[in-house]
Amino acid sequence: MALTVQEREPGLFQWVLLEASEGSASDALHYRIWRVAPALQSSYSSALALGVAELRRIVAAADAAA
């Protein structure tokens, strides 16, 4: 799992959660988009903080299910 922030339009940012996927036989990791923010943010830091919060919710839900 990886979290990244992308600037979709000038001054508008969106967090994106990426999931590792099976790729070719190479040593490179391949990722696919798993979840994206429902709304754009006006700053990189806001988008990052919301992405971290979403990742924490996912981990907490997985821990509760285990």
N, C-alpha and C. Protein backbone atom coordinates (compact mmCIF):
# COMPACT_ATOMS: atom_id res chain seq x y z
N MET A 1 0.85 -1.16 0.00
CA MET A 1 0.00 0.00 0.00
C MET A 1 0.90 1.23 0.00
N ALA A 2 0.49 2.21 -0.76
CA ALA A 2 1.24 3.46 -0.83
C ALA A 2 0.25 4.61 -0.89
N LEU A 3 0.64 5.72 -0.30
CA LEU A 3 -0.16 6.94 -0.32
C LEU A 3 0.62 7.99 -1.10
N THR A 4 -0.06 8.64 -2.01
CA THR A 4 0.56 9.73 -2.75
C THR A 4 -0.44 10.87 -2.86
N VAL A 5 0.05 12.05 -3.15
CA VAL A 5 -0.80 13.22 -3.38
C VAL A 5 -0.48 13.74 -4.77
N GLN A 6 -1.53 13.97 -5.53
CA GLN A 6 -1.37 14.46 -6.89
C GLN A 6 -2.05 15.82 -7.03
N GLU A 7 -1.45 16.68 -7.82
CA GLU A 7 -2.06 17.97 -8.12
C GLU A 7 -2.88 17.79 -9.39
N ARG A 8 -4.20 17.69 -9.24
CA ARG A 8 -5.10 17.41 -10.36
C ARG A 8 -5.29 18.62 -11.26
N GLU A 9 -5.36 19.78 -10.65
CA GLU A 9 -5.46 21.06 -11.35
C GLU A 9 -4.56 22.01 -10.58
N PRO A 10 -4.13 23.10 -11.18
CA PRO A 10 -3.28 24.02 -10.43
C PRO A 10 -3.91 24.44 -9.10
N GLY A 11 -3.22 24.12 -8.01
CA GLY A 11 -3.69 24.49 -6.68
C GLY A 11 -4.74 23.59 -6.09
N LEU A 12 -5.06 22.45 -6.73
CA LEU A 12 -6.05 21.50 -6.21
C LEU A 12 -5.41 20.11 -6.12
N PHE A 13 -5.44 19.55 -4.92
CA PHE A 13 -4.71 18.32 -4.63
C PHE A 13 -5.65 17.21 -4.20
N GLN A 14 -5.25 15.97 -4.48
CA GLN A 14 -6.07 14.80 -4.17
C GLN A 14 -5.15 13.68 -3.70
N TRP A 15 -5.54 13.03 -2.58
CA TRP A 15 -4.78 11.87 -2.15
C TRP A 15 -5.21 10.67 -2.98
N VAL A 16 -4.27 9.75 -3.16
CA VAL A 16 -4.52 8.51 -3.91
C VAL A 16 -3.85 7.38 -3.15
N LEU A 17 -4.63 6.33 -2.85
CA LEU A 17 -4.06 5.13 -2.25
C LEU A 17 -3.78 4.13 -3.37
N LEU A 18 -2.58 3.61 -3.36
CA LEU A 18 -2.14 2.66 -4.37
C LEU A 18 -1.92 1.30 -3.72
N GLU A 19 -2.25 0.26 -4.46
CA GLU A 19 -2.08 -1.10 -3.97
C GLU A 19 -1.07 -1.82 -4.87
N ALA A 20 -0.15 -2.54 -4.25
CA ALA A 20 0.81 -3.31 -5.04
C ALA A 20 0.07 -4.39 -5.81
N SER A 21 0.47 -4.59 -7.05
CA SER A 21 -0.18 -5.61 -7.86
C SER A 21 0.88 -6.52 -8.46
N GLU A 22 0.43 -7.67 -8.85
CA GLU A 22 1.34 -8.62 -9.48
C GLU A 22 1.76 -8.06 -10.84
N GLY A 23 3.03 -7.93 -11.01
CA GLY A 23 3.54 -7.40 -12.27
C GLY A 23 4.29 -8.48 -13.02
N SER A 24 5.18 -8.05 -13.83
CA SER A 24 6.00 -8.99 -14.58
C SER A 24 7.03 -9.62 -13.65
N ALA A 25 7.88 -10.39 -14.18
CA ALA A 25 8.89 -11.09 -13.40
C ALA A 25 10.05 -10.18 -12.98
N SER A 26 9.96 -8.90 -13.28
CA SER A 26 11.05 -7.99 -12.93
C SER A 26 11.05 -7.69 -11.44
N ASP A 27 12.08 -7.03 -10.97
CA ASP A 27 12.19 -6.66 -9.57
C ASP A 27 11.41 -5.39 -9.23
N ALA A 28 10.88 -4.72 -10.24
CA ALA A 28 10.14 -3.47 -10.02
C ALA A 28 8.78 -3.75 -9.41
N LEU A 29 8.36 -2.86 -8.52
CA LEU A 29 7.02 -2.96 -7.95
C LEU A 29 6.03 -2.26 -8.87
N HIS A 30 4.87 -2.84 -9.00
CA HIS A 30 3.81 -2.25 -9.82
C HIS A 30 2.64 -1.94 -8.91
N TYR A 31 2.04 -0.78 -9.11
CA TYR A 31 0.92 -0.34 -8.29
C TYR A 31 -0.28 -0.03 -9.16
N ARG A 32 -1.45 -0.19 -8.57
CA ARG A 32 -2.68 0.23 -9.23
C ARG A 32 -3.46 1.10 -8.26
N ILE A 33 -4.26 1.99 -8.79
CA ILE A 33 -5.06 2.86 -7.95
C ILE A 33 -6.11 2.02 -7.22
N TRP A 34 -6.19 2.21 -5.90
CA TRP A 34 -7.14 1.46 -5.09
C TRP A 34 -8.28 2.36 -4.62
N ARG A 35 -7.94 3.54 -4.11
CA ARG A 35 -8.93 4.51 -3.66
C ARG A 35 -8.41 5.91 -3.94
N VAL A 36 -9.35 6.81 -4.17
CA VAL A 36 -8.99 8.22 -4.37
C VAL A 36 -9.89 9.09 -3.50
N ALA A 37 -9.41 10.26 -3.20
CA ALA A 37 -10.17 11.21 -2.39
C ALA A 37 -11.45 11.59 -3.11
N PRO A 38 -12.54 11.73 -2.37
CA PRO A 38 -13.80 12.14 -3.00
C PRO A 38 -13.84 13.63 -3.35
N ALA A 39 -12.95 14.41 -2.75
CA ALA A 39 -12.95 15.86 -3.00
C ALA A 39 -11.52 16.37 -3.10
N LEU A 40 -11.33 17.38 -3.91
CA LEU A 40 -10.03 18.03 -4.04
C LEU A 40 -9.80 18.98 -2.87
N GLN A 41 -8.53 19.16 -2.50
CA GLN A 41 -8.15 20.06 -1.41
C GLN A 41 -7.32 21.21 -1.98
N SER A 42 -7.35 22.32 -1.26
CA SER A 42 -6.64 23.51 -1.75
C SER A 42 -5.16 23.53 -1.38
N SER A 43 -4.71 22.54 -0.59
CA SER A 43 -3.28 22.47 -0.26
C SER A 43 -2.80 21.03 -0.26
N TYR A 44 -1.54 20.87 -0.55
CA TYR A 44 -0.90 19.55 -0.52
C TYR A 44 -1.00 18.96 0.87
N SER A 45 -0.71 19.76 1.88
CA SER A 45 -0.70 19.24 3.25
C SER A 45 -2.08 18.78 3.71
N SER A 46 -3.13 19.46 3.31
CA SER A 46 -4.48 19.03 3.66
C SER A 46 -4.81 17.69 2.99
N ALA A 47 -4.48 17.57 1.74
CA ALA A 47 -4.72 16.32 1.03
C ALA A 47 -3.93 15.18 1.66
N LEU A 48 -2.69 15.44 2.02
CA LEU A 48 -1.86 14.42 2.66
C LEU A 48 -2.45 14.00 4.01
N ALA A 49 -2.86 14.96 4.82
CA ALA A 49 -3.43 14.65 6.13
C ALA A 49 -4.70 13.82 5.99
N LEU A 50 -5.55 14.16 5.03
CA LEU A 50 -6.77 13.38 4.82
C LEU A 50 -6.46 11.99 4.29
N GLY A 51 -5.44 11.86 3.47
CA GLY A 51 -5.02 10.55 2.98
C GLY A 51 -4.48 9.67 4.10
N VAL A 52 -3.71 10.26 5.00
CA VAL A 52 -3.20 9.51 6.16
C VAL A 52 -4.36 9.07 7.03
N ALA A 53 -5.35 9.94 7.23
CA ALA A 53 -6.52 9.59 8.04
C ALA A 53 -7.29 8.43 7.41
N GLU A 54 -7.44 8.45 6.10
CA GLU A 54 -8.12 7.34 5.41
C GLU A 54 -7.34 6.05 5.56
N LEU A 55 -6.04 6.11 5.42
CA LEU A 55 -5.20 4.93 5.59
C LEU A 55 -5.32 4.38 7.00
N ARG A 56 -5.36 5.24 8.00
CA ARG A 56 -5.53 4.80 9.39
C ARG A 56 -6.88 4.13 9.59
N ARG A 57 -7.95 4.66 8.97
CA ARG A 57 -9.27 4.03 9.07
C ARG A 57 -9.25 2.63 8.48
N ILE A 58 -8.58 2.48 7.36
CA ILE A 58 -8.49 1.16 6.72
C ILE A 58 -7.75 0.17 7.61
N VAL A 59 -6.64 0.61 8.20
CA VAL A 59 -5.86 -0.27 9.06
C VAL A 59 -6.67 -0.62 10.32
N ALA A 60 -7.37 0.34 10.89
CA ALA A 60 -8.18 0.07 12.09
C ALA A 60 -9.28 -0.91 11.78
N ALA A 61 -9.93 -0.77 10.63
CA ALA A 61 -11.00 -1.70 10.23
C ALA A 61 -10.45 -3.11 10.01
N ALA A 62 -9.27 -3.20 9.42
CA ALA A 62 -8.65 -4.52 9.20
C ALA A 62 -8.26 -5.16 10.53
N ASP A 63 -7.75 -4.36 11.46
CA ASP A 63 -7.39 -4.88 12.79
C ASP A 63 -8.63 -5.36 13.53
N ALA A 64 -9.72 -4.62 13.43
CA ALA A 64 -10.95 -5.00 14.11
C ALA A 64 -11.54 -6.28 13.54
N ALA A 65 -11.36 -6.50 12.25
CA ALA A 65 -11.89 -7.69 11.60
C ALA A 65 -11.05 -8.93 11.89
N ALA A 66 -9.82 -8.73 12.29
CA ALA A 66 -8.90 -9.87 12.52
C ALA A 66 -9.10 -10.52 13.87
